[in-house]
Amino acid sequence: MNAFVAVEVHLRPRSATHARLVLAYAEATKEATPQALTRQYRDGEWLEDLLGPPSPGLNEWRGGQAEHPRHIPLADELKLKSWPLTDITDERAIEQRLISQLREWTSPQSK
C-alpha cells in the first residue's frame, strides 16, 4: 500500500495561540505514486490549514475526499492530528506521540 506521512511544526500558527505539532497520514489511491503524493503535499497547503475550516480549532480529523473541501486529492483517506508543543517536554515525548499515533492509524482496527 502506498502511504504518505508528514510532520509539521508551527511555532506561530494561524489557528492557535500556541505552537503546534501536526501529523498527517494519507493512504494513496491505487493510481498515486509516493512521488506524486509528495509533490502534491509540497505544492499544497500547510497541514495546520487543513485542520482549520470546516472546524476551526480542531485537533484531529480523519475522512475521505468528499468530507473535506481541501483534502489531498491523490489520497483516498486522510488522517490529521495536532498537539500543543507546550504539552511536550522533550524529543523522546515527541517521538513517542508520533509513533503511537501512526501505529493506531495503521492498525487493522482503524480501517
PDB file of N, CA and C in Angstrom:
ATOM      1  N   MET A   1       0.841  -1.175   0.000  1.00  0.00           N
ATOM      2  CA  MET A   1       0.000   0.000   0.000  1.00  0.00           C
ATOM      3  C   MET A   1       0.890   1.244   0.000  1.00  0.00           C
ATOM      4  N   ASN A   2       0.504   2.207  -0.759  1.00  0.00           N
ATOM      5  CA  ASN A   2       1.195   3.499  -0.753  1.00  0.00           C
ATOM      6  C   ASN A   2       0.621   4.348   0.366  1.00  0.00           C
ATOM      7  N   ALA A   3       1.510   4.893   1.174  1.00  0.00           N
ATOM      8  CA  ALA A   3       1.072   5.779   2.251  1.00  0.00           C
ATOM      9  C   ALA A   3       2.043   6.938   2.339  1.00  0.00           C
ATOM     10  N   PHE A   4       1.548   8.031   2.851  1.00  0.00           N
ATOM     11  CA  PHE A   4       2.328   9.250   2.962  1.00  0.00           C
ATOM     12  C   PHE A   4       2.214   9.756   4.400  1.00  0.00           C
ATOM     13  N   VAL A   5       3.354  10.103   4.993  1.00  0.00           N
ATOM     14  CA  VAL A   5       3.377  10.650   6.344  1.00  0.00           C
ATOM     15  C   VAL A   5       4.102  11.986   6.296  1.00  0.00           C
ATOM     16  N   ALA A   6       3.549  12.976   6.976  1.00  0.00           N
ATOM     17  CA  ALA A   6       4.192  14.292   7.064  1.00  0.00           C
ATOM     18  C   ALA A   6       4.064  14.810   8.488  1.00  0.00           C
ATOM     19  N   VAL A   7       5.101  15.506   8.928  1.00  0.00           N
ATOM     20  CA  VAL A   7       5.103  16.139  10.242  1.00  0.00           C
ATOM     21  C   VAL A   7       5.477  17.600  10.044  1.00  0.00           C
ATOM     22  N   GLU A   8       4.697  18.475  10.657  1.00  0.00           N
ATOM     23  CA  GLU A   8       4.992  19.906  10.597  1.00  0.00           C
ATOM     24  C   GLU A   8       5.032  20.467  12.012  1.00  0.00           C
ATOM     25  N   VAL A   9       5.879  21.458  12.209  1.00  0.00           N
ATOM     26  CA  VAL A   9       5.926  22.204  13.462  1.00  0.00           C
ATOM     27  C   VAL A   9       5.594  23.651  13.120  1.00  0.00           C
ATOM     28  N   HIS A  10       4.600  24.175  13.792  1.00  0.00           N
ATOM     29  CA  HIS A  10       4.186  25.568  13.576  1.00  0.00           C
ATOM     30  C   HIS A  10       4.443  26.340  14.869  1.00  0.00           C
ATOM     31  N   LEU A  11       5.484  27.163  14.862  1.00  0.00           N
ATOM     32  CA  LEU A  11       5.818  27.925  16.060  1.00  0.00           C
ATOM     33  C   LEU A  11       4.899  29.124  16.251  1.00  0.00           C
ATOM     34  N   ARG A  12       4.376  29.642  15.155  1.00  0.00           N
ATOM     35  CA  ARG A  12       3.430  30.758  15.214  1.00  0.00           C
ATOM     36  C   ARG A  12       2.224  30.425  14.333  1.00  0.00           C
ATOM     37  N   PRO A  13       1.412  29.466  14.759  1.00  0.00           N
ATOM     38  CA  PRO A  13       0.290  29.042  13.907  1.00  0.00           C
ATOM     39  C   PRO A  13      -0.791  30.102  13.790  1.00  0.00           C
ATOM     40  N   ARG A  14      -1.463  30.065  12.664  1.00  0.00           N
ATOM     41  CA  ARG A  14      -2.592  30.987  12.441  1.00  0.00           C
ATOM     42  C   ARG A  14      -3.835  30.516  13.185  1.00  0.00           C
ATOM     43  N   SER A  15      -3.901  29.218  13.466  1.00  0.00           N
ATOM     44  CA  SER A  15      -5.133  28.653  14.010  1.00  0.00           C
ATOM     45  C   SER A  15      -5.120  28.465  15.527  1.00  0.00           C
ATOM     46  N   ALA A  16      -4.039  28.874  16.206  1.00  0.00           N
ATOM     47  CA  ALA A  16      -3.968  28.658  17.651  1.00  0.00           C
ATOM     48  C   ALA A  16      -3.093  29.736  18.278  1.00  0.00           C
ATOM     49  N   THR A  17      -3.170  29.827  19.594  1.00  0.00           N
ATOM     50  CA  THR A  17      -2.372  30.815  20.313  1.00  0.00           C
ATOM     51  C   THR A  17      -1.057  30.225  20.816  1.00  0.00           C
ATOM     52  N   HIS A  18      -0.806  28.967  20.514  1.00  0.00           N
ATOM     53  CA  HIS A  18       0.395  28.284  20.974  1.00  0.00           C
ATOM     54  C   HIS A  18       1.006  27.484  19.825  1.00  0.00           C
ATOM     55  N   ALA A  19       2.273  27.159  19.949  1.00  0.00           N
ATOM     56  CA  ALA A  19       2.955  26.356  18.929  1.00  0.00           C
ATOM     57  C   ALA A  19       2.311  24.978  18.834  1.00  0.00           C
ATOM     58  N   ARG A  20       2.299  24.426  17.611  1.00  0.00           N
ATOM     59  CA  ARG A  20       1.637  23.136  17.382  1.00  0.00           C
ATOM     60  C   ARG A  20       2.529  22.188  16.604  1.00  0.00           C
ATOM     61  N   LEU A  21       2.402  20.918  16.928  1.00  0.00           N
ATOM     62  CA  LEU A  21       2.997  19.822  16.182  1.00  0.00           C
ATOM     63  C   LEU A  21       1.851  19.174  15.421  1.00  0.00           C
ATOM     64  N   VAL A  22       2.004  18.987  14.108  1.00  0.00           N
ATOM     65  CA  VAL A  22       0.920  18.444  13.287  1.00  0.00           C
ATOM     66  C   VAL A  22       1.429  17.205  12.543  1.00  0.00           C
ATOM     67  N   LEU A  23       0.641  16.141  12.572  1.00  0.00           N
ATOM     68  CA  LEU A  23       0.962  14.881  11.906  1.00  0.00           C
ATOM     69  C   LEU A  23      -0.129  14.559  10.897  1.00  0.00           C
ATOM     70  N   ALA A  24       0.281  14.082   9.724  1.00  0.00           N
ATOM     71  CA  ALA A  24      -0.687  13.647   8.705  1.00  0.00           C
ATOM     72  C   ALA A  24      -0.305  12.270   8.207  1.00  0.00           C
ATOM     73  N   TYR A  25      -1.342  11.480   7.910  1.00  0.00           N
ATOM     74  CA  TYR A  25      -1.170  10.163   7.313  1.00  0.00           C
ATOM     75  C   TYR A  25      -2.198  10.059   6.196  1.00  0.00           C
ATOM     76  N   ALA A  26      -1.731   9.818   4.990  1.00  0.00           N
ATOM     77  CA  ALA A  26      -2.636   9.707   3.845  1.00  0.00           C
ATOM     78  C   ALA A  26      -2.418   8.371   3.163  1.00  0.00           C
ATOM     79  N   GLU A  27      -3.495   7.695   2.871  1.00  0.00           N
ATOM     80  CA  GLU A  27      -3.434   6.465   2.086  1.00  0.00           C
ATOM     81  C   GLU A  27      -3.762   6.811   0.651  1.00  0.00           C
ATOM     82  N   ALA A  28      -2.861   6.432  -0.235  1.00  0.00           N
ATOM     83  CA  ALA A  28      -2.968   6.838  -1.635  1.00  0.00           C
ATOM     84  C   ALA A  28      -3.979   6.002  -2.405  1.00  0.00           C
ATOM     85  N   THR A  29      -4.511   6.630  -3.452  1.00  0.00           N
ATOM     86  CA  THR A  29      -5.313   5.886  -4.401  1.00  0.00           C
ATOM     87  C   THR A  29      -4.379   4.937  -5.134  1.00  0.00           C
ATOM     88  N   LYS A  30      -4.918   3.943  -5.775  1.00  0.00           N
ATOM     89  CA  LYS A  30      -4.090   2.972  -6.490  1.00  0.00           C
ATOM     90  C   LYS A  30      -3.229   3.636  -7.570  1.00  0.00           C
ATOM     91  N   GLU A  31      -3.727   4.720  -8.161  1.00  0.00           N
ATOM     92  CA  GLU A  31      -3.007   5.386  -9.238  1.00  0.00           C
ATOM     93  C   GLU A  31      -1.878   6.287  -8.739  1.00  0.00           C
ATOM     94  N   ALA A  32      -1.889   6.651  -7.463  1.00  0.00           N
ATOM     95  CA  ALA A  32      -0.913   7.600  -6.938  1.00  0.00           C
ATOM     96  C   ALA A  32       0.417   6.921  -6.645  1.00  0.00           C
ATOM     97  N   THR A  33       1.476   7.623  -6.904  1.00  0.00           N
ATOM     98  CA  THR A  33       2.807   7.158  -6.532  1.00  0.00           C
ATOM     99  C   THR A  33       3.258   7.974  -5.326  1.00  0.00           C
ATOM    100  N   PRO A  34       4.203   7.458  -4.559  1.00  0.00           N
ATOM    101  CA  PRO A  34       4.722   8.263  -3.443  1.00  0.00           C
ATOM    102  C   PRO A  34       5.270   9.612  -3.916  1.00  0.00           C
ATOM    103  N   GLN A  35       5.882   9.637  -5.089  1.00  0.00           N
ATOM    104  CA  GLN A  35       6.421  10.895  -5.622  1.00  0.00           C
ATOM    105  C   GLN A  35       5.296  11.889  -5.910  1.00  0.00           C
ATOM    106  N   ALA A  36       4.190  11.408  -6.457  1.00  0.00           N
ATOM    107  CA  ALA A  36       3.067  12.296  -6.765  1.00  0.00           C
ATOM    108  C   ALA A  36       2.443  12.848  -5.481  1.00  0.00           C
ATOM    109  N   LEU A  37       2.316  11.998  -4.450  1.00  0.00           N
ATOM    110  CA  LEU A  37       1.787  12.472  -3.171  1.00  0.00           C
ATOM    111  C   LEU A  37       2.715  13.514  -2.555  1.00  0.00           C
ATOM    112  N   THR A  38       4.011  13.256  -2.612  1.00  0.00           N
ATOM    113  CA  THR A  38       4.986  14.199  -2.069  1.00  0.00           C
ATOM    114  C   THR A  38       4.900  15.533  -2.790  1.00  0.00           C
ATOM    115  N   ARG A  39       4.792  15.502  -4.097  1.00  0.00           N
ATOM    116  CA  ARG A  39       4.693  16.726  -4.890  1.00  0.00           C
ATOM    117  C   ARG A  39       3.403  17.488  -4.531  1.00  0.00           C
ATOM    118  N   GLN A  40       2.310  16.752  -4.403  1.00  0.00           N
ATOM    119  CA  GLN A  40       1.037  17.394  -4.079  1.00  0.00           C
ATOM    120  C   GLN A  40       1.078  18.029  -2.686  1.00  0.00           C
ATOM    121  N   TYR A  41       1.707  17.343  -1.731  1.00  0.00           N
ATOM    122  CA  TYR A  41       1.858  17.910  -0.390  1.00  0.00           C
ATOM    123  C   TYR A  41       2.731  19.161  -0.444  1.00  0.00           C
ATOM    124  N   ARG A  42       3.864  19.075  -1.114  1.00  0.00           N
ATOM    125  CA  ARG A  42       4.809  20.183  -1.197  1.00  0.00           C
ATOM    126  C   ARG A  42       4.153  21.421  -1.825  1.00  0.00           C
ATOM    127  N   ASP A  43       3.316  21.220  -2.830  1.00  0.00           N
ATOM    128  CA  ASP A  43       2.679  22.327  -3.537  1.00  0.00           C
ATOM    129  C   ASP A  43       1.354  22.755  -2.911  1.00  0.00           C
ATOM    130  N   GLY A  44       0.904  22.027  -1.895  1.00  0.00           N
ATOM    131  CA  GLY A  44      -0.407  22.300  -1.303  1.00  0.00           C
ATOM    132  C   GLY A  44      -0.339  23.170  -0.063  1.00  0.00           C
ATOM    133  N   GLU A  45      -1.364  23.066   0.741  1.00  0.00           N
ATOM    134  CA  GLU A  45      -1.486  23.879   1.945  1.00  0.00           C
ATOM    135  C   GLU A  45      -0.758  23.237   3.115  1.00  0.00           C
ATOM    136  N   TRP A  46      -0.465  24.050   4.129  1.00  0.00           N
ATOM    137  CA  TRP A  46       0.092  23.521   5.360  1.00  0.00           C
ATOM    138  C   TRP A  46      -0.942  22.615   6.019  1.00  0.00           C
ATOM    139  N   LEU A  47      -0.483  21.602   6.716  1.00  0.00           N
ATOM    140  CA  LEU A  47      -1.393  20.703   7.433  1.00  0.00           C
ATOM    141  C   LEU A  47      -2.225  21.466   8.453  1.00  0.00           C
ATOM    142  N   GLU A  48      -1.622  22.446   9.081  1.00  0.00           N
ATOM    143  CA  GLU A  48      -2.354  23.273  10.045  1.00  0.00           C
ATOM    144  C   GLU A  48      -3.604  23.870   9.403  1.00  0.00           C
ATOM    145  N   ASP A  49      -3.473  24.313   8.158  1.00  0.00           N
ATOM    146  CA  ASP A  49      -4.617  24.900   7.458  1.00  0.00           C
ATOM    147  C   ASP A  49      -5.680  23.864   7.140  1.00  0.00           C
ATOM    148  N   LEU A  50      -5.280  22.620   6.909  1.00  0.00           N
ATOM    149  CA  LEU A  50      -6.262  21.564   6.670  1.00  0.00           C
ATOM    150  C   LEU A  50      -7.046  21.244   7.938  1.00  0.00           C
ATOM    151  N   LEU A  51      -6.434  21.492   9.109  1.00  0.00           N
ATOM    152  CA  LEU A  51      -7.152  21.292  10.370  1.00  0.00           C
ATOM    153  C   LEU A  51      -8.047  22.475  10.706  1.00  0.00           C
ATOM    154  N   GLY A  52      -7.905  23.576   9.985  1.00  0.00           N
ATOM    155  CA  GLY A  52      -8.734  24.759  10.225  1.00  0.00           C
ATOM    156  C   GLY A  52     -10.152  24.528   9.742  1.00  0.00           C
ATOM    157  N   PRO A  53     -10.708  25.410   8.929  1.00  0.00           N
ATOM    158  CA  PRO A  53     -12.057  25.190   8.404  1.00  0.00           C
ATOM    159  C   PRO A  53     -12.135  23.844   7.700  1.00  0.00           C
ATOM    160  N   PRO A  54     -13.173  23.083   7.784  1.00  0.00           N
ATOM    161  CA  PRO A  54     -14.502  23.459   8.250  1.00  0.00           C
ATOM    162  C   PRO A  54     -14.690  23.482   9.765  1.00  0.00           C
ATOM    163  N   SER A  55     -13.712  23.098  10.547  1.00  0.00           N
ATOM    164  CA  SER A  55     -13.861  23.085  12.001  1.00  0.00           C
ATOM    165  C   SER A  55     -12.666  23.762  12.665  1.00  0.00           C
ATOM    166  N   PRO A  56     -12.648  25.081  12.764  1.00  0.00           N
ATOM    167  CA  PRO A  56     -11.506  25.772  13.368  1.00  0.00           C
ATOM    168  C   PRO A  56     -11.227  25.263  14.781  1.00  0.00           C
ATOM    169  N   GLY A  57      -9.954  25.149  15.115  1.00  0.00           N
ATOM    170  CA  GLY A  57      -9.589  24.699  16.449  1.00  0.00           C
ATOM    171  C   GLY A  57      -9.581  23.187  16.598  1.00  0.00           C
ATOM    172  N   LEU A  58      -9.971  22.488  15.594  1.00  0.00           N
ATOM    173  CA  LEU A  58      -9.997  21.032  15.633  1.00  0.00           C
ATOM    174  C   LEU A  58      -8.579  20.505  15.785  1.00  0.00           C
ATOM    175  N   ASN A  59      -8.368  19.488  16.634  1.00  0.00           N
ATOM    176  CA  ASN A  59      -7.026  18.949  16.756  1.00  0.00           C
ATOM    177  C   ASN A  59      -6.896  17.551  16.159  1.00  0.00           C
ATOM    178  N   GLU A  60      -7.993  17.000  15.641  1.00  0.00           N
ATOM    179  CA  GLU A  60      -7.911  15.709  14.942  1.00  0.00           C
ATOM    180  C   GLU A  60      -9.002  15.653  13.885  1.00  0.00           C
ATOM    181  N   TRP A  61      -8.641  15.065  12.749  1.00  0.00           N
ATOM    182  CA  TRP A  61      -9.614  14.895  11.672  1.00  0.00           C
ATOM    183  C   TRP A  61      -9.236  13.657  10.880  1.00  0.00           C
ATOM    184  N   ARG A  62     -10.219  12.889  10.462  1.00  0.00           N
ATOM    185  CA  ARG A  62      -9.986  11.768   9.554  1.00  0.00           C
ATOM    186  C   ARG A  62     -11.202  11.589   8.658  1.00  0.00           C
ATOM    187  N   GLY A  63     -10.913  11.241   7.417  1.00  0.00           N
ATOM    188  CA  GLY A  63     -12.007  11.036   6.489  1.00  0.00           C
ATOM    189  C   GLY A  63     -11.536  10.996   5.055  1.00  0.00           C
ATOM    190  N   GLY A  64     -12.496  10.903   4.170  1.00  0.00           N
ATOM    191  CA  GLY A  64     -12.218  10.799   2.749  1.00  0.00           C
ATOM    192  C   GLY A  64     -12.324  12.128   2.034  1.00  0.00           C
ATOM    193  N   GLN A  65     -12.067  12.070   0.741  1.00  0.00           N
ATOM    194  CA  GLN A  65     -12.052  13.288  -0.076  1.00  0.00           C
ATOM    195  C   GLN A  65     -13.358  14.064  -0.014  1.00  0.00           C
ATOM    196  N   ALA A  66     -14.475  13.381  -0.043  1.00  0.00           N
ATOM    197  CA  ALA A  66     -15.771  14.057  -0.082  1.00  0.00           C
ATOM    198  C   ALA A  66     -16.086  14.791   1.224  1.00  0.00           C
ATOM    199  N   GLU A  67     -15.373  14.463   2.295  1.00  0.00           N
ATOM    200  CA  GLU A  67     -15.685  15.034   3.603  1.00  0.00           C
ATOM    201  C   GLU A  67     -14.835  16.253   3.965  1.00  0.00           C
ATOM    202  N   HIS A  68     -13.874  16.614   3.127  1.00  0.00           N
ATOM    203  CA  HIS A  68     -13.016  17.760   3.429  1.00  0.00           C
ATOM    204  C   HIS A  68     -12.804  18.569   2.154  1.00  0.00           C
ATOM    205  N   PRO A  69     -13.093  19.871   2.186  1.00  0.00           N
ATOM    206  CA  PRO A  69     -13.020  20.674   0.968  1.00  0.00           C
ATOM    207  C   PRO A  69     -11.606  20.840   0.395  1.00  0.00           C
ATOM    208  N   ARG A  70     -10.555  20.669   1.225  1.00  0.00           N
ATOM    209  CA  ARG A  70      -9.198  20.864   0.735  1.00  0.00           C
ATOM    210  C   ARG A  70      -8.335  19.628   0.980  1.00  0.00           C
ATOM    211  N   HIS A  71      -8.950  18.490   0.912  1.00  0.00           N
ATOM    212  CA  HIS A  71      -8.293  17.199   1.088  1.00  0.00           C
ATOM    213  C   HIS A  71      -7.189  17.026   0.044  1.00  0.00           C
ATOM    214  N   ILE A  72      -6.123  16.272   0.370  1.00  0.00           N
ATOM    215  CA  ILE A  72      -5.089  15.967  -0.620  1.00  0.00           C
ATOM    216  C   ILE A  72      -5.728  15.088  -1.698  1.00  0.00           C
ATOM    217  N   PRO A  73      -5.890  15.582  -2.917  1.00  0.00           N
ATOM    218  CA  PRO A  73      -6.673  14.882  -3.946  1.00  0.00           C
ATOM    219  C   PRO A  73      -6.212  13.469  -4.299  1.00  0.00           C
ATOM    220  N   LEU A  74      -4.930  13.168  -4.203  1.00  0.00           N
ATOM    221  CA  LEU A  74      -4.471  11.827  -4.564  1.00  0.00           C
ATOM    222  C   LEU A  74      -4.654  10.806  -3.448  1.00  0.00           C
ATOM    223  N   ALA A  75      -5.124  11.237  -2.306  1.00  0.00           N
ATOM    224  CA  ALA A  75      -5.291  10.326  -1.172  1.00  0.00           C
ATOM    225  C   ALA A  75      -6.756   9.948  -1.004  1.00  0.00           C
ATOM    226  N   ASP A  76      -7.009   8.655  -0.855  1.00  0.00           N
ATOM    227  CA  ASP A  76      -8.379   8.208  -0.571  1.00  0.00           C
ATOM    228  C   ASP A  76      -8.779   8.599   0.843  1.00  0.00           C
ATOM    229  N   GLU A  77      -7.863   8.436   1.754  1.00  0.00           N
ATOM    230  CA  GLU A  77      -8.129   8.646   3.176  1.00  0.00           C
ATOM    231  C   GLU A  77      -7.051   9.564   3.737  1.00  0.00           C
ATOM    232  N   LEU A  78      -7.464  10.519   4.565  1.00  0.00           N
ATOM    233  CA  LEU A  78      -6.524  11.449   5.183  1.00  0.00           C
ATOM    234  C   LEU A  78      -6.806  11.496   6.676  1.00  0.00           C
ATOM    235  N   LYS A  79      -5.731  11.415   7.466  1.00  0.00           N
ATOM    236  CA  LYS A  79      -5.850  11.488   8.926  1.00  0.00           C
ATOM    237  C   LYS A  79      -4.888  12.572   9.404  1.00  0.00           C
ATOM    238  N   LEU A  80      -5.401  13.496  10.223  1.00  0.00           N
ATOM    239  CA  LEU A  80      -4.612  14.613  10.737  1.00  0.00           C
ATOM    240  C   LEU A  80      -4.783  14.699  12.243  1.00  0.00           C
ATOM    241  N   LYS A  81      -3.710  15.078  12.923  1.00  0.00           N
ATOM    242  CA  LYS A  81      -3.789  15.299  14.364  1.00  0.00           C
ATOM    243  C   LYS A  81      -2.746  16.328  14.745  1.00  0.00           C
ATOM    244  N   SER A  82      -3.072  17.160  15.746  1.00  0.00           N
ATOM    245  CA  SER A  82      -2.107  18.136  16.232  1.00  0.00           C
ATOM    246  C   SER A  82      -2.082  18.128  17.756  1.00  0.00           C
ATOM    247  N   TRP A  83      -0.945  18.565  18.269  1.00  0.00           N
ATOM    248  CA  TRP A  83      -0.743  18.681  19.710  1.00  0.00           C
ATOM    249  C   TRP A  83      -0.106  20.026  20.001  1.00  0.00           C
ATOM    250  N   PRO A  84      -0.433  20.649  21.142  1.00  0.00           N
ATOM    251  CA  PRO A  84       0.279  21.858  21.543  1.00  0.00           C
ATOM    252  C   PRO A  84       1.723  21.480  21.913  1.00  0.00           C
ATOM    253  N   LEU A  85       2.678  22.176  21.381  1.00  0.00           N
ATOM    254  CA  LEU A  85       4.070  21.879  21.718  1.00  0.00           C
ATOM    255  C   LEU A  85       4.379  22.196  23.176  1.00  0.00           C
ATOM    256  N   THR A  86       3.599  23.052  23.781  1.00  0.00           N
ATOM    257  CA  THR A  86       3.819  23.371  25.194  1.00  0.00           C
ATOM    258  C   THR A  86       3.526  22.176  26.102  1.00  0.00           C
ATOM    259  N   ASP A  87       2.785  21.174  25.588  1.00  0.00           N
ATOM    260  CA  ASP A  87       2.478  19.974  26.371  1.00  0.00           C
ATOM    261  C   ASP A  87       3.547  18.896  26.241  1.00  0.00           C
ATOM    262  N   ILE A  88       4.517  19.097  25.370  1.00  0.00           N
ATOM    263  CA  ILE A  88       5.517  18.070  25.100  1.00  0.00           C
ATOM    264  C   ILE A  88       6.831  18.511  25.732  1.00  0.00           C
ATOM    265  N   THR A  89       7.387  17.656  26.562  1.00  0.00           N
ATOM    266  CA  THR A  89       8.524  18.062  27.391  1.00  0.00           C
ATOM    267  C   THR A  89       9.895  17.788  26.781  1.00  0.00           C
ATOM    268  N   ASP A  90      10.016  16.824  25.883  1.00  0.00           N
ATOM    269  CA  ASP A  90      11.333  16.525  25.311  1.00  0.00           C
ATOM    270  C   ASP A  90      11.193  15.788  23.976  1.00  0.00           C
ATOM    271  N   GLU A  91      12.330  15.576  23.308  1.00  0.00           N
ATOM    272  CA  GLU A  91      12.331  14.918  21.996  1.00  0.00           C
ATOM    273  C   GLU A  91      11.729  13.522  22.054  1.00  0.00           C
ATOM    274  N   ARG A  92      12.032  12.791  23.090  1.00  0.00           N
ATOM    275  CA  ARG A  92      11.525  11.420  23.235  1.00  0.00           C
ATOM    276  C   ARG A  92       9.995  11.421  23.294  1.00  0.00           C
ATOM    277  N   ALA A  93       9.428  12.409  23.974  1.00  0.00           N
ATOM    278  CA  ALA A  93       7.971  12.509  24.067  1.00  0.00           C
ATOM    279  C   ALA A  93       7.351  12.769  22.703  1.00  0.00           C
ATOM    280  N   ILE A  94       8.000  13.604  21.894  1.00  0.00           N
ATOM    281  CA  ILE A  94       7.511  13.862  20.535  1.00  0.00           C
ATOM    282  C   ILE A  94       7.532  12.566  19.733  1.00  0.00           C
ATOM    283  N   GLU A  95       8.653  11.875  19.771  1.00  0.00           N
ATOM    284  CA  GLU A  95       8.785  10.610  19.041  1.00  0.00           C
ATOM    285  C   GLU A  95       7.721   9.607  19.471  1.00  0.00           C
ATOM    286  N   GLN A  96       7.498   9.473  20.765  1.00  0.00           N
ATOM    287  CA  GLN A  96       6.508   8.517  21.268  1.00  0.00           C
ATOM    288  C   GLN A  96       5.098   8.867  20.799  1.00  0.00           C
ATOM    289  N   ARG A  97       4.753  10.139  20.830  1.00  0.00           N
ATOM    290  CA  ARG A  97       3.405  10.541  20.375  1.00  0.00           C
ATOM    291  C   ARG A  97       3.202  10.251  18.892  1.00  0.00           C
ATOM    292  N   LEU A  98       4.192  10.606  18.083  1.00  0.00           N
ATOM    293  CA  LEU A  98       4.060  10.400  16.641  1.00  0.00           C
ATOM    294  C   LEU A  98       3.976   8.920  16.305  1.00  0.00           C
ATOM    295  N   ILE A  99       4.853   8.117  16.868  1.00  0.00           N
ATOM    296  CA  ILE A  99       4.856   6.675  16.580  1.00  0.00           C
ATOM    297  C   ILE A  99       3.576   6.025  17.079  1.00  0.00           C
ATOM    298  N   SER A 100       3.154   6.377  18.268  1.00  0.00           N
ATOM    299  CA  SER A 100       1.920   5.809  18.814  1.00  0.00           C
ATOM    300  C   SER A 100       0.719   6.134  17.926  1.00  0.00           C
ATOM    301  N   GLN A 101       0.635   7.390  17.472  1.00  0.00           N
ATOM    302  CA  GLN A 101      -0.483   7.788  16.614  1.00  0.00           C
ATOM    303  C   GLN A 101      -0.441   7.059  15.277  1.00  0.00           C
ATOM    304  N   LEU A 102       0.727   6.948  14.679  1.00  0.00           N
ATOM    305  CA  LEU A 102       0.844   6.234  13.397  1.00  0.00           C
ATOM    306  C   LEU A 102       0.480   4.768  13.551  1.00  0.00           C
ATOM    307  N   ARG A 103       0.886   4.151  14.635  1.00  0.00           N
ATOM    308  CA  ARG A 103       0.511   2.744  14.878  1.00  0.00           C
ATOM    309  C   ARG A 103      -0.999   2.597  14.978  1.00  0.00           C
ATOM    310  N   GLU A 104      -1.623   3.539  15.689  1.00  0.00           N
ATOM    311  CA  GLU A 104      -3.084   3.492  15.812  1.00  0.00           C
ATOM    312  C   GLU A 104      -3.742   3.627  14.441  1.00  0.00           C
ATOM    313  N   TRP A 105      -3.297   4.606  13.656  1.00  0.00           N
ATOM    314  CA  TRP A 105      -3.914   4.843  12.349  1.00  0.00           C
ATOM    315  C   TRP A 105      -3.687   3.694  11.367  1.00  0.00           C
ATOM    316  N   THR A 106      -2.567   2.993  11.481  1.00  0.00           N
ATOM    317  CA  THR A 106      -2.268   1.936  10.504  1.00  0.00           C
ATOM    318  C   THR A 106      -2.704   0.555  10.980  1.00  0.00           C
ATOM    319  N   SER A 107      -3.237   0.461  12.188  1.00  0.00           N
ATOM    320  CA  SER A 107      -3.691  -0.844  12.675  1.00  0.00           C
ATOM    321  C   SER A 107      -4.932  -1.298  11.910  1.00  0.00           C
ATOM    322  N   PRO A 108      -5.107  -2.606  11.777  1.00  0.00           N
ATOM    323  CA  PRO A 108      -6.286  -3.116  11.060  1.00  0.00           C
ATOM    324  C   PRO A 108      -7.610  -2.645  11.688  1.00  0.00           C
ATOM    325  N   GLN A 109      -7.644  -2.411  12.998  1.00  0.00           N
ATOM    326  CA  GLN A 109      -8.874  -1.968  13.654  1.00  0.00           C
ATOM    327  C   GLN A 109      -9.248  -0.540  13.271  1.00  0.00           C
ATOM    328  N   SER A 110      -8.278   0.237  12.799  1.00  0.00           N
ATOM    329  CA  SER A 110      -8.520   1.627  12.442  1.00  0.00           C
ATOM    330  C   SER A 110      -9.105   1.769  11.037  1.00  0.00           C
ATOM    331  N   LYS A 111      -9.083   0.726  10.268  1.00  0.00           N
ATOM    332  CA  LYS A 111      -9.539   0.787   8.862  1.00  0.00           C
ATOM    333  C   LYS A 111     -11.032   0.877   8.769  1.00  0.00           C
TER     334      LYS A 111
END
